[in-house]
Amino acid sequence: DKLTETIPLGRLSHPGDCADVAEFLASPQGQYITGVILPVDGGWSLAG
């Protein structure tokens, strides 16, 4: 519960969140994206 309070979007992640982004990066919509380090963490790395 305390961990959840440190996440700006107010919930823990689940594997589907990363799967969403992996699917996007592997799709034609992501074809001009490379060398990117992309947080999928609900803002947790900002301070939490």
All heavy atoms as atom14 arrays in JSON, in Angstrom:
{
  "sequence": "DKLTETIPLGRLSHPGDCADVAEFLASPQGQYITGVILPVDGGWSLAG",
  "atom14_mask": [
    [1, 1, 1, 1, 1, 1, 1, 1, 0, 0, 0, 0, 0, 0],
    [1, 1, 1, 1, 1, 1, 1, 1, 1, 0, 0, 0, 0, 0],
    [1, 1, 1, 1, 1, 1, 1, 1, 0, 0, 0, 0, 0, 0],
    [1, 1, 1, 1, 1, 1, 1, 0, 0, 0, 0, 0, 0, 0],
    [1, 1, 1, 1, 1, 1, 1, 1, 1, 0, 0, 0, 0, 0],
    [1, 1, 1, 1, 1, 1, 1, 0, 0, 0, 0, 0, 0, 0],
    [1, 1, 1, 1, 1, 1, 1, 1, 0, 0, 0, 0, 0, 0],
    [1, 1, 1, 1, 1, 1, 1, 0, 0, 0, 0, 0, 0, 0],
    [1, 1, 1, 1, 1, 1, 1, 1, 0, 0, 0, 0, 0, 0],
    [1, 1, 1, 1, 0, 0, 0, 0, 0, 0, 0, 0, 0, 0],
    [1, 1, 1, 1, 1, 1, 1, 1, 1, 1, 1, 0, 0, 0],
    [1, 1, 1, 1, 1, 1, 1, 1, 0, 0, 0, 0, 0, 0],
    [1, 1, 1, 1, 1, 1, 0, 0, 0, 0, 0, 0, 0, 0],
    [1, 1, 1, 1, 1, 1, 1, 1, 1, 1, 0, 0, 0, 0],
    [1, 1, 1, 1, 1, 1, 1, 0, 0, 0, 0, 0, 0, 0],
    [1, 1, 1, 1, 0, 0, 0, 0, 0, 0, 0, 0, 0, 0],
    [1, 1, 1, 1, 1, 1, 1, 1, 0, 0, 0, 0, 0, 0],
    [1, 1, 1, 1, 1, 1, 0, 0, 0, 0, 0, 0, 0, 0],
    [1, 1, 1, 1, 1, 0, 0, 0, 0, 0, 0, 0, 0, 0],
    [1, 1, 1, 1, 1, 1, 1, 1, 0, 0, 0, 0, 0, 0],
    [1, 1, 1, 1, 1, 1, 1, 0, 0, 0, 0, 0, 0, 0],
    [1, 1, 1, 1, 1, 0, 0, 0, 0, 0, 0, 0, 0, 0],
    [1, 1, 1, 1, 1, 1, 1, 1, 1, 0, 0, 0, 0, 0],
    [1, 1, 1, 1, 1, 1, 1, 1, 1, 1, 1, 0, 0, 0],
    [1, 1, 1, 1, 1, 1, 1, 1, 0, 0, 0, 0, 0, 0],
    [1, 1, 1, 1, 1, 0, 0, 0, 0, 0, 0, 0, 0, 0],
    [1, 1, 1, 1, 1, 1, 0, 0, 0, 0, 0, 0, 0, 0],
    [1, 1, 1, 1, 1, 1, 1, 0, 0, 0, 0, 0, 0, 0],
    [1, 1, 1, 1, 1, 1, 1, 1, 1, 0, 0, 0, 0, 0],
    [1, 1, 1, 1, 0, 0, 0, 0, 0, 0, 0, 0, 0, 0],
    [1, 1, 1, 1, 1, 1, 1, 1, 1, 0, 0, 0, 0, 0],
    [1, 1, 1, 1, 1, 1, 1, 1, 1, 1, 1, 1, 0, 0],
    [1, 1, 1, 1, 1, 1, 1, 1, 0, 0, 0, 0, 0, 0],
    [1, 1, 1, 1, 1, 1, 1, 0, 0, 0, 0, 0, 0, 0],
    [1, 1, 1, 1, 0, 0, 0, 0, 0, 0, 0, 0, 0, 0],
    [1, 1, 1, 1, 1, 1, 1, 0, 0, 0, 0, 0, 0, 0],
    [1, 1, 1, 1, 1, 1, 1, 1, 0, 0, 0, 0, 0, 0],
    [1, 1, 1, 1, 1, 1, 1, 1, 0, 0, 0, 0, 0, 0],
    [1, 1, 1, 1, 1, 1, 1, 0, 0, 0, 0, 0, 0, 0],
    [1, 1, 1, 1, 1, 1, 1, 0, 0, 0, 0, 0, 0, 0],
    [1, 1, 1, 1, 1, 1, 1, 1, 0, 0, 0, 0, 0, 0],
    [1, 1, 1, 1, 0, 0, 0, 0, 0, 0, 0, 0, 0, 0],
    [1, 1, 1, 1, 0, 0, 0, 0, 0, 0, 0, 0, 0, 0],
    [1, 1, 1, 1, 1, 1, 1, 1, 1, 1, 1, 1, 1, 1],
    [1, 1, 1, 1, 1, 1, 0, 0, 0, 0, 0, 0, 0, 0],
    [1, 1, 1, 1, 1, 1, 1, 1, 0, 0, 0, 0, 0, 0],
    [1, 1, 1, 1, 1, 0, 0, 0, 0, 0, 0, 0, 0, 0],
    [1, 1, 1, 1, 0, 0, 0, 0, 0, 0, 0, 0, 0, 0]
  ],
  "atom14_positions": [
    [[0.83, -1.21, 0.0], [0.0, 0.0, 0.0], [0.87, 1.25, 0.0], [0.56, 2.23, -0.71], [-0.92, 0.01, 1.22], [-2.02, -1.03, 1.12], [-2.32, -1.46, -0.02], [-2.57, -1.42, 2.17], [0.0, 0.0, 0.0], [0.0, 0.0, 0.0], [0.0, 0.0, 0.0], [0.0, 0.0, 0.0], [0.0, 0.0, 0.0], [0.0, 0.0, 0.0]],
    [[1.94, 1.23, 0.77], [2.82, 2.4, 0.82], [3.52, 2.6, -0.52], [3.71, 3.74, -0.96], [3.84, 2.25, 1.95], [3.22, 2.32, 3.33], [4.29, 2.35, 4.41], [3.65, 2.53, 5.8], [4.67, 2.62, 6.85], [0.0, 0.0, 0.0], [0.0, 0.0, 0.0], [0.0, 0.0, 0.0], [0.0, 0.0, 0.0], [0.0, 0.0, 0.0]],
    [[3.89, 1.5, -1.17], [4.5, 1.6, -2.49], [3.55, 2.25, -3.47], [3.94, 3.13, -4.24], [4.9, 0.21, -2.98], [5.32, 0.08, -4.45], [6.53, 0.96, -4.74], [5.62, -1.37, -4.79], [0.0, 0.0, 0.0], [0.0, 0.0, 0.0], [0.0, 0.0, 0.0], [0.0, 0.0, 0.0], [0.0, 0.0, 0.0], [0.0, 0.0, 0.0]],
    [[2.3, 1.82, -3.44], [1.3, 2.38, -4.36], [1.17, 3.89, -4.18], [0.99, 4.64, -5.15], [-0.06, 1.7, -4.15], [0.09, 0.29, -4.34], [-1.1, 2.23, -5.12], [0.0, 0.0, 0.0], [0.0, 0.0, 0.0], [0.0, 0.0, 0.0], [0.0, 0.0, 0.0], [0.0, 0.0, 0.0], [0.0, 0.0, 0.0], [0.0, 0.0, 0.0]],
    [[1.3, 4.35, -2.93], [1.2, 5.79, -2.66], [2.34, 6.58, -3.29], [2.21, 7.79, -3.48], [1.19, 6.03, -1.14], [-0.06, 5.5, -0.45], [0.04, 5.6, 1.06], [1.06, 6.14, 1.55], [-0.88, 5.14, 1.75], [0.0, 0.0, 0.0], [0.0, 0.0, 0.0], [0.0, 0.0, 0.0], [0.0, 0.0, 0.0], [0.0, 0.0, 0.0]],
    [[3.45, 5.93, -3.62], [4.59, 6.64, -4.22], [4.5, 6.73, -5.74], [5.37, 7.33, -6.37], [5.92, 5.95, -3.85], [6.03, 4.69, -4.52], [6.05, 5.75, -2.34], [0.0, 0.0, 0.0], [0.0, 0.0, 0.0], [0.0, 0.0, 0.0], [0.0, 0.0, 0.0], [0.0, 0.0, 0.0], [0.0, 0.0, 0.0], [0.0, 0.0, 0.0]],
    [[3.46, 6.14, -6.33], [3.32, 6.12, -7.79], [2.32, 7.2, -8.2], [1.16, 7.16, -7.79], [2.83, 4.74, -8.28], [3.83, 3.66, -7.86], [2.64, 4.74, -9.8], [3.36, 2.24, -8.11], [0.0, 0.0, 0.0], [0.0, 0.0, 0.0], [0.0, 0.0, 0.0], [0.0, 0.0, 0.0], [0.0, 0.0, 0.0], [0.0, 0.0, 0.0]],
    [[2.74, 8.19, -9.0], [1.84, 9.28, -9.35], [0.5, 8.84, -9.95], [-0.53, 9.46, -9.67], [2.66, 10.09, -10.37], [4.07, 9.9, -9.91], [4.12, 8.46, -9.46], [0.0, 0.0, 0.0], [0.0, 0.0, 0.0], [0.0, 0.0, 0.0], [0.0, 0.0, 0.0], [0.0, 0.0, 0.0], [0.0, 0.0, 0.0], [0.0, 0.0, 0.0]],
    [[0.49, 7.77, -10.74], [-0.77, 7.32, -11.33], [-1.59, 6.44, -10.39], [-2.67, 5.97, -10.76], [-0.52, 6.6, -12.66], [-0.04, 7.49, -13.8], [0.01, 6.7, -15.11], [-0.93, 8.71, -13.99], [0.0, 0.0, 0.0], [0.0, 0.0, 0.0], [0.0, 0.0, 0.0], [0.0, 0.0, 0.0], [0.0, 0.0, 0.0], [0.0, 0.0, 0.0]],
    [[-1.08, 6.18, -9.19], [-1.89, 5.61, -8.14], [-2.16, 4.12, -8.2], [-3.07, 3.63, -7.51], [0.0, 0.0, 0.0], [0.0, 0.0, 0.0], [0.0, 0.0, 0.0], [0.0, 0.0, 0.0], [0.0, 0.0, 0.0], [0.0, 0.0, 0.0], [0.0, 0.0, 0.0], [0.0, 0.0, 0.0], [0.0, 0.0, 0.0], [0.0, 0.0, 0.0]],
    [[-1.4, 3.36, -8.94], [-1.57, 1.9, -8.95], [-0.26, 1.24, -9.33], [0.6, 1.85, -9.98], [-2.66, 1.47, -9.94], [-2.31, 1.66, -11.41], [-3.31, 0.94, -12.31], [-3.07, 1.16, -13.74], [-2.22, 0.46, -14.48], [-1.5, -0.51, -13.94], [-2.09, 0.72, -15.78], [0.0, 0.0, 0.0], [0.0, 0.0, 0.0], [0.0, 0.0, 0.0]],
    [[-0.14, -0.02, -8.92], [0.99, -0.82, -9.38], [0.78, -1.17, -10.85], [-0.34, -1.17, -11.36], [1.11, -2.1, -8.56], [1.42, -1.96, -7.07], [1.52, -3.33, -6.43], [2.7, -1.18, -6.83], [0.0, 0.0, 0.0], [0.0, 0.0, 0.0], [0.0, 0.0, 0.0], [0.0, 0.0, 0.0], [0.0, 0.0, 0.0], [0.0, 0.0, 0.0]],
    [[1.87, -1.48, -11.51], [1.79, -1.9, -12.91], [1.43, -3.38, -12.97], [1.47, -4.1, -11.97], [3.14, -1.66, -13.58], [3.14, -2.13, -14.91], [0.0, 0.0, 0.0], [0.0, 0.0, 0.0], [0.0, 0.0, 0.0], [0.0, 0.0, 0.0], [0.0, 0.0, 0.0], [0.0, 0.0, 0.0], [0.0, 0.0, 0.0], [0.0, 0.0, 0.0]],
    [[1.06, -3.84, -14.15], [0.87, -5.26, -14.43], [1.57, -5.56, -15.76], [1.87, -4.65, -16.54], [-0.61, -5.63, -14.47], [-1.44, -4.8, -15.39], [-1.43, -4.95, -16.76], [-2.32, -3.8, -15.14], [-2.26, -4.09, -17.32], [-2.81, -3.38, -16.36], [0.0, 0.0, 0.0], [0.0, 0.0, 0.0], [0.0, 0.0, 0.0], [0.0, 0.0, 0.0]],
    [[1.87, -6.82, -16.05], [2.63, -7.13, -17.27], [2.0, -6.59, -18.55], [2.72, -6.29, -19.51], [2.67, -8.66, -17.27], [2.62, -9.03, -15.83], [1.69, -8.02, -15.21], [0.0, 0.0, 0.0], [0.0, 0.0, 0.0], [0.0, 0.0, 0.0], [0.0, 0.0, 0.0], [0.0, 0.0, 0.0], [0.0, 0.0, 0.0], [0.0, 0.0, 0.0]],
    [[0.69, -6.43, -18.56], [0.03, -5.91, -19.76], [0.45, -4.49, -20.11], [0.41, -4.11, -21.29], [0.0, 0.0, 0.0], [0.0, 0.0, 0.0], [0.0, 0.0, 0.0], [0.0, 0.0, 0.0], [0.0, 0.0, 0.0], [0.0, 0.0, 0.0], [0.0, 0.0, 0.0], [0.0, 0.0, 0.0], [0.0, 0.0, 0.0], [0.0, 0.0, 0.0]],
    [[0.88, -3.71, -19.11], [1.32, -2.34, -19.4], [2.56, -2.36, -20.29], [2.66, -1.6, -21.26], [1.62, -1.59, -18.1], [0.37, -1.32, -17.27], [-0.66, -0.97, -17.85], [0.45, -1.49, -16.04], [0.0, 0.0, 0.0], [0.0, 0.0, 0.0], [0.0, 0.0, 0.0], [0.0, 0.0, 0.0], [0.0, 0.0, 0.0], [0.0, 0.0, 0.0]],
    [[3.51, -3.22, -19.96], [4.72, -3.33, -20.79], [4.41, -4.0, -22.12], [5.01, -3.65, -23.15], [5.79, -4.11, -20.04], [6.51, -3.19, -18.65], [0.0, 0.0, 0.0], [0.0, 0.0, 0.0], [0.0, 0.0, 0.0], [0.0, 0.0, 0.0], [0.0, 0.0, 0.0], [0.0, 0.0, 0.0], [0.0, 0.0, 0.0], [0.0, 0.0, 0.0]],
    [[3.48, -4.95, -22.11], [3.1, -5.6, -23.36], [2.49, -4.6, -24.33], [2.73, -4.66, -25.55], [2.13, -6.74, -23.09], [0.0, 0.0, 0.0], [0.0, 0.0, 0.0], [0.0, 0.0, 0.0], [0.0, 0.0, 0.0], [0.0, 0.0, 0.0], [0.0, 0.0, 0.0], [0.0, 0.0, 0.0], [0.0, 0.0, 0.0], [0.0, 0.0, 0.0]],
    [[1.7, -3.65, -23.82], [1.12, -2.61, -24.67], [2.23, -1.84, -25.4], [2.14, -1.58, -26.6], [0.32, -1.61, -23.82], [-0.99, -2.18, -23.32], [-1.49, -3.17, -23.89], [-1.53, -1.62, -22.34], [0.0, 0.0, 0.0], [0.0, 0.0, 0.0], [0.0, 0.0, 0.0], [0.0, 0.0, 0.0], [0.0, 0.0, 0.0], [0.0, 0.0, 0.0]],
    [[3.27, -1.48, -24.65], [4.34, -0.67, -25.22], [5.2, -1.49, -26.17], [5.62, -1.01, -27.23], [5.18, -0.03, -24.1], [6.36, 0.74, -24.68], [4.3, 0.91, -23.27], [0.0, 0.0, 0.0], [0.0, 0.0, 0.0], [0.0, 0.0, 0.0], [0.0, 0.0, 0.0], [0.0, 0.0, 0.0], [0.0, 0.0, 0.0], [0.0, 0.0, 0.0]],
    [[5.47, -2.74, -25.81], [6.24, -3.61, -26.7], [5.5, -3.79, -28.02], [6.11, -3.75, -29.1], [6.48, -4.96, -26.04], [0.0, 0.0, 0.0], [0.0, 0.0, 0.0], [0.0, 0.0, 0.0], [0.0, 0.0, 0.0], [0.0, 0.0, 0.0], [0.0, 0.0, 0.0], [0.0, 0.0, 0.0], [0.0, 0.0, 0.0], [0.0, 0.0, 0.0]],
    [[4.2, -3.97, -27.93], [3.41, -4.13, -29.15], [3.49, -2.88, -30.02], [3.62, -2.96, -31.25], [1.95, -4.43, -28.77], [1.08, -4.78, -29.95], [-0.36, -5.03, -29.56], [-0.7, -4.83, -28.38], [-1.15, -5.42, -30.45], [0.0, 0.0, 0.0], [0.0, 0.0, 0.0], [0.0, 0.0, 0.0], [0.0, 0.0, 0.0], [0.0, 0.0, 0.0]],
    [[3.43, -1.71, -29.39], [3.54, -0.46, -30.13], [4.91, -0.31, -30.78], [5.02, -0.02, -31.97], [3.28, 0.73, -29.21], [3.71, 2.05, -29.78], [3.01, 2.62, -30.83], [4.83, 2.7, -29.29], [3.42, 3.83, -31.38], [5.24, 3.91, -29.84], [4.53, 4.47, -30.88], [0.0, 0.0, 0.0], [0.0, 0.0, 0.0], [0.0, 0.0, 0.0]],
    [[5.98, -0.55, -30.01], [7.33, -0.38, -30.55], [7.6, -1.34, -31.7], [8.4, -1.03, -32.6], [8.37, -0.58, -29.44], [8.46, 0.52, -28.39], [9.41, 0.1, -27.27], [8.89, 1.85, -28.99], [0.0, 0.0, 0.0], [0.0, 0.0, 0.0], [0.0, 0.0, 0.0], [0.0, 0.0, 0.0], [0.0, 0.0, 0.0], [0.0, 0.0, 0.0]],
    [[6.96, -2.51, -31.69], [7.16, -3.5, -32.74], [6.22, -3.32, -33.93], [6.31, -4.07, -34.89], [6.98, -4.9, -32.16], [0.0, 0.0, 0.0], [0.0, 0.0, 0.0], [0.0, 0.0, 0.0], [0.0, 0.0, 0.0], [0.0, 0.0, 0.0], [0.0, 0.0, 0.0], [0.0, 0.0, 0.0], [0.0, 0.0, 0.0], [0.0, 0.0, 0.0]],
    [[5.36, -2.32, -33.86], [4.35, -2.1, -34.9], [4.83, -1.07, -35.92], [5.82, -0.36, -35.69], [3.06, -1.6, -34.26], [3.18, -0.23, -33.88], [0.0, 0.0, 0.0], [0.0, 0.0, 0.0], [0.0, 0.0, 0.0], [0.0, 0.0, 0.0], [0.0, 0.0, 0.0], [0.0, 0.0, 0.0], [0.0, 0.0, 0.0], [0.0, 0.0, 0.0]],
    [[4.13, -0.95, -37.03], [4.47, 0.11, -38.0], [4.42, 1.51, -37.39], [5.14, 2.4, -37.82], [3.4, -0.06, -39.09], [3.03, -1.5, -39.03], [3.09, -1.85, -37.57], [0.0, 0.0, 0.0], [0.0, 0.0, 0.0], [0.0, 0.0, 0.0], [0.0, 0.0, 0.0], [0.0, 0.0, 0.0], [0.0, 0.0, 0.0], [0.0, 0.0, 0.0]],
    [[3.57, 1.7, -36.37], [3.49, 3.01, -35.73], [4.77, 3.37, -35.0], [5.02, 4.54, -34.69], [2.3, 3.05, -34.75], [0.94, 3.15, -35.42], [0.45, 1.82, -35.98], [1.02, 0.78, -35.7], [-0.6, 1.87, -36.79], [0.0, 0.0, 0.0], [0.0, 0.0, 0.0], [0.0, 0.0, 0.0], [0.0, 0.0, 0.0], [0.0, 0.0, 0.0]],
    [[5.62, 2.38, -34.69], [6.88, 2.65, -34.01], [8.09, 2.6, -34.91], [9.23, 2.58, -34.43], [0.0, 0.0, 0.0], [0.0, 0.0, 0.0], [0.0, 0.0, 0.0], [0.0, 0.0, 0.0], [0.0, 0.0, 0.0], [0.0, 0.0, 0.0], [0.0, 0.0, 0.0], [0.0, 0.0, 0.0], [0.0, 0.0, 0.0], [0.0, 0.0, 0.0]],
    [[7.87, 2.64, -36.22], [8.95, 2.37, -37.17], [10.03, 3.45, -37.23], [11.11, 3.21, -37.79], [8.38, 2.15, -38.57], [7.7, 3.37, -39.17], [7.07, 3.05, -40.52], [7.47, 2.11, -41.19], [6.08, 3.83, -40.92], [0.0, 0.0, 0.0], [0.0, 0.0, 0.0], [0.0, 0.0, 0.0], [0.0, 0.0, 0.0], [0.0, 0.0, 0.0]],
    [[9.78, 4.62, -36.63], [10.8, 5.68, -36.65], [11.34, 5.95, -35.25], [11.89, 7.02, -34.98], [10.23, 6.95, -37.28], [11.29, 7.88, -37.85], [12.16, 7.44, -38.84], [11.42, 9.18, -37.39], [13.13, 8.29, -39.35], [12.38, 10.05, -37.89], [13.24, 9.59, -38.88], [14.2, 10.43, -39.39], [0.0, 0.0, 0.0], [0.0, 0.0, 0.0]],
    [[11.2, 4.98, -34.37], [11.66, 5.13, -32.99], [12.81, 4.16, -32.74], [12.66, 2.95, -32.88], [10.52, 4.85, -31.98], [9.36, 5.81, -32.2], [11.04, 4.95, -30.55], [8.13, 5.48, -31.37], [0.0, 0.0, 0.0], [0.0, 0.0, 0.0], [0.0, 0.0, 0.0], [0.0, 0.0, 0.0], [0.0, 0.0, 0.0], [0.0, 0.0, 0.0]],
    [[13.96, 4.7, -32.37], [15.1, 3.85, -32.01], [16.0, 4.58, -31.02], [16.03, 5.82, -30.99], [15.89, 3.41, -33.26], [16.75, 2.32, -32.91], [16.73, 4.54, -33.84], [0.0, 0.0, 0.0], [0.0, 0.0, 0.0], [0.0, 0.0, 0.0], [0.0, 0.0, 0.0], [0.0, 0.0, 0.0], [0.0, 0.0, 0.0], [0.0, 0.0, 0.0]],
    [[16.71, 3.82, -30.2], [17.61, 4.39, -29.21], [16.91, 5.03, -28.03], [17.51, 5.81, -27.28], [0.0, 0.0, 0.0], [0.0, 0.0, 0.0], [0.0, 0.0, 0.0], [0.0, 0.0, 0.0], [0.0, 0.0, 0.0], [0.0, 0.0, 0.0], [0.0, 0.0, 0.0], [0.0, 0.0, 0.0], [0.0, 0.0, 0.0], [0.0, 0.0, 0.0]],
    [[15.64, 4.66, -27.81], [14.83, 5.29, -26.75], [14.8, 4.42, -25.5], [14.63, 3.2, -25.59], [13.39, 5.54, -27.25], [12.46, 5.89, -26.1], [13.39, 6.65, -28.29], [0.0, 0.0, 0.0], [0.0, 0.0, 0.0], [0.0, 0.0, 0.0], [0.0, 0.0, 0.0], [0.0, 0.0, 0.0], [0.0, 0.0, 0.0], [0.0, 0.0, 0.0]],
    [[14.97, 5.04, -24.35], [14.82, 4.38, -23.05], [13.48, 4.86, -22.49], [13.36, 6.0, -22.04], [15.96, 4.75, -22.08], [17.34, 4.62, -22.78], [15.88, 3.92, -20.82], [17.65, 3.25, -23.31], [0.0, 0.0, 0.0], [0.0, 0.0, 0.0], [0.0, 0.0, 0.0], [0.0, 0.0, 0.0], [0.0, 0.0, 0.0], [0.0, 0.0, 0.0]],
    [[12.46, 4.03, -22.55], [11.09, 4.46, -22.29], [10.55, 3.93, -20.96], [10.27, 2.74, -20.83], [10.18, 4.0, -23.44], [8.7, 4.35, -23.34], [8.5, 5.87, -23.23], [7.96, 3.8, -24.56], [0.0, 0.0, 0.0], [0.0, 0.0, 0.0], [0.0, 0.0, 0.0], [0.0, 0.0, 0.0], [0.0, 0.0, 0.0], [0.0, 0.0, 0.0]],
    [[10.39, 4.79, -19.95], [9.77, 4.35, -18.71], [8.3, 4.02, -18.9], [7.55, 4.77, -19.53], [9.93, 5.56, -17.77], [10.99, 6.41, -18.4], [10.84, 6.19, -19.87], [0.0, 0.0, 0.0], [0.0, 0.0, 0.0], [0.0, 0.0, 0.0], [0.0, 0.0, 0.0], [0.0, 0.0, 0.0], [0.0, 0.0, 0.0], [0.0, 0.0, 0.0]],
    [[7.89, 2.87, -18.36], [6.48, 2.47, -18.35], [6.16, 2.17, -16.89], [6.03, 1.03, -16.47], [6.24, 1.24, -19.25], [4.75, 0.9, -19.31], [6.78, 1.49, -20.65], [0.0, 0.0, 0.0], [0.0, 0.0, 0.0], [0.0, 0.0, 0.0], [0.0, 0.0, 0.0], [0.0, 0.0, 0.0], [0.0, 0.0, 0.0], [0.0, 0.0, 0.0]],
    [[6.1, 3.25, -16.09], [6.11, 3.07, -14.63], [5.11, 3.95, -13.89], [5.18, 4.06, -12.67], [7.53, 3.35, -14.1], [7.99, 4.79, -14.3], [7.23, 5.59, -14.87], [9.12, 5.12, -13.88], [0.0, 0.0, 0.0], [0.0, 0.0, 0.0], [0.0, 0.0, 0.0], [0.0, 0.0, 0.0], [0.0, 0.0, 0.0], [0.0, 0.0, 0.0]],
    [[4.18, 4.57, -14.6], [3.2, 5.41, -13.93], [3.8, 6.64, -13.26], [3.18, 7.23, -12.38], [0.0, 0.0, 0.0], [0.0, 0.0, 0.0], [0.0, 0.0, 0.0], [0.0, 0.0, 0.0], [0.0, 0.0, 0.0], [0.0, 0.0, 0.0], [0.0, 0.0, 0.0], [0.0, 0.0, 0.0], [0.0, 0.0, 0.0], [0.0, 0.0, 0.0]],
    [[5.02, 7.0, -13.67], [5.69, 8.15, -13.07], [6.51, 7.81, -11.84], [7.08, 8.7, -11.2], [0.0, 0.0, 0.0], [0.0, 0.0, 0.0], [0.0, 0.0, 0.0], [0.0, 0.0, 0.0], [0.0, 0.0, 0.0], [0.0, 0.0, 0.0], [0.0, 0.0, 0.0], [0.0, 0.0, 0.0], [0.0, 0.0, 0.0], [0.0, 0.0, 0.0]],
    [[6.64, 6.52, -11.54], [7.31, 6.09, -10.31], [8.75, 6.56, -10.22], [9.23, 6.95, -9.15], [7.26, 4.57, -10.23], [7.69, 3.95, -8.95], [7.27, 4.27, -7.7], [8.61, 2.87, -8.79], [7.86, 3.46, -6.76], [8.7, 2.59, -7.4], [9.36, 2.1, -9.68], [9.51, 1.58, -6.88], [10.17, 1.09, -9.16], [10.25, 0.84, -7.79]],
    [[9.45, 6.56, -11.34], [10.86, 6.93, -11.31], [11.08, 8.43, -11.07], [12.21, 8.85, -10.82], [11.55, 6.52, -12.62], [10.92, 7.11, -13.74], [0.0, 0.0, 0.0], [0.0, 0.0, 0.0], [0.0, 0.0, 0.0], [0.0, 0.0, 0.0], [0.0, 0.0, 0.0], [0.0, 0.0, 0.0], [0.0, 0.0, 0.0], [0.0, 0.0, 0.0]],
    [[10.03, 9.24, -11.14], [10.19, 10.67, -10.9], [10.62, 10.95, -9.46], [11.38, 11.87, -9.2], [8.88, 11.41, -11.2], [8.4, 11.35, -12.65], [7.03, 12.01, -12.79], [9.41, 12.01, -13.58], [0.0, 0.0, 0.0], [0.0, 0.0, 0.0], [0.0, 0.0, 0.0], [0.0, 0.0, 0.0], [0.0, 0.0, 0.0], [0.0, 0.0, 0.0]],
    [[10.1, 10.17, -8.52], [10.49, 10.34, -7.12], [10.19, 9.11, -6.29], [10.89, 8.81, -5.33], [9.77, 11.54, -6.51], [0.0, 0.0, 0.0], [0.0, 0.0, 0.0], [0.0, 0.0, 0.0], [0.0, 0.0, 0.0], [0.0, 0.0, 0.0], [0.0, 0.0, 0.0], [0.0, 0.0, 0.0], [0.0, 0.0, 0.0], [0.0, 0.0, 0.0]],
    [[9.17, 8.37, -6.65], [8.7, 7.28, -5.81], [9.68, 6.15, -5.63], [9.73, 5.53, -4.58], [0.0, 0.0, 0.0], [0.0, 0.0, 0.0], [0.0, 0.0, 0.0], [0.0, 0.0, 0.0], [0.0, 0.0, 0.0], [0.0, 0.0, 0.0], [0.0, 0.0, 0.0], [0.0, 0.0, 0.0], [0.0, 0.0, 0.0], [0.0, 0.0, 0.0]]
  ]
}
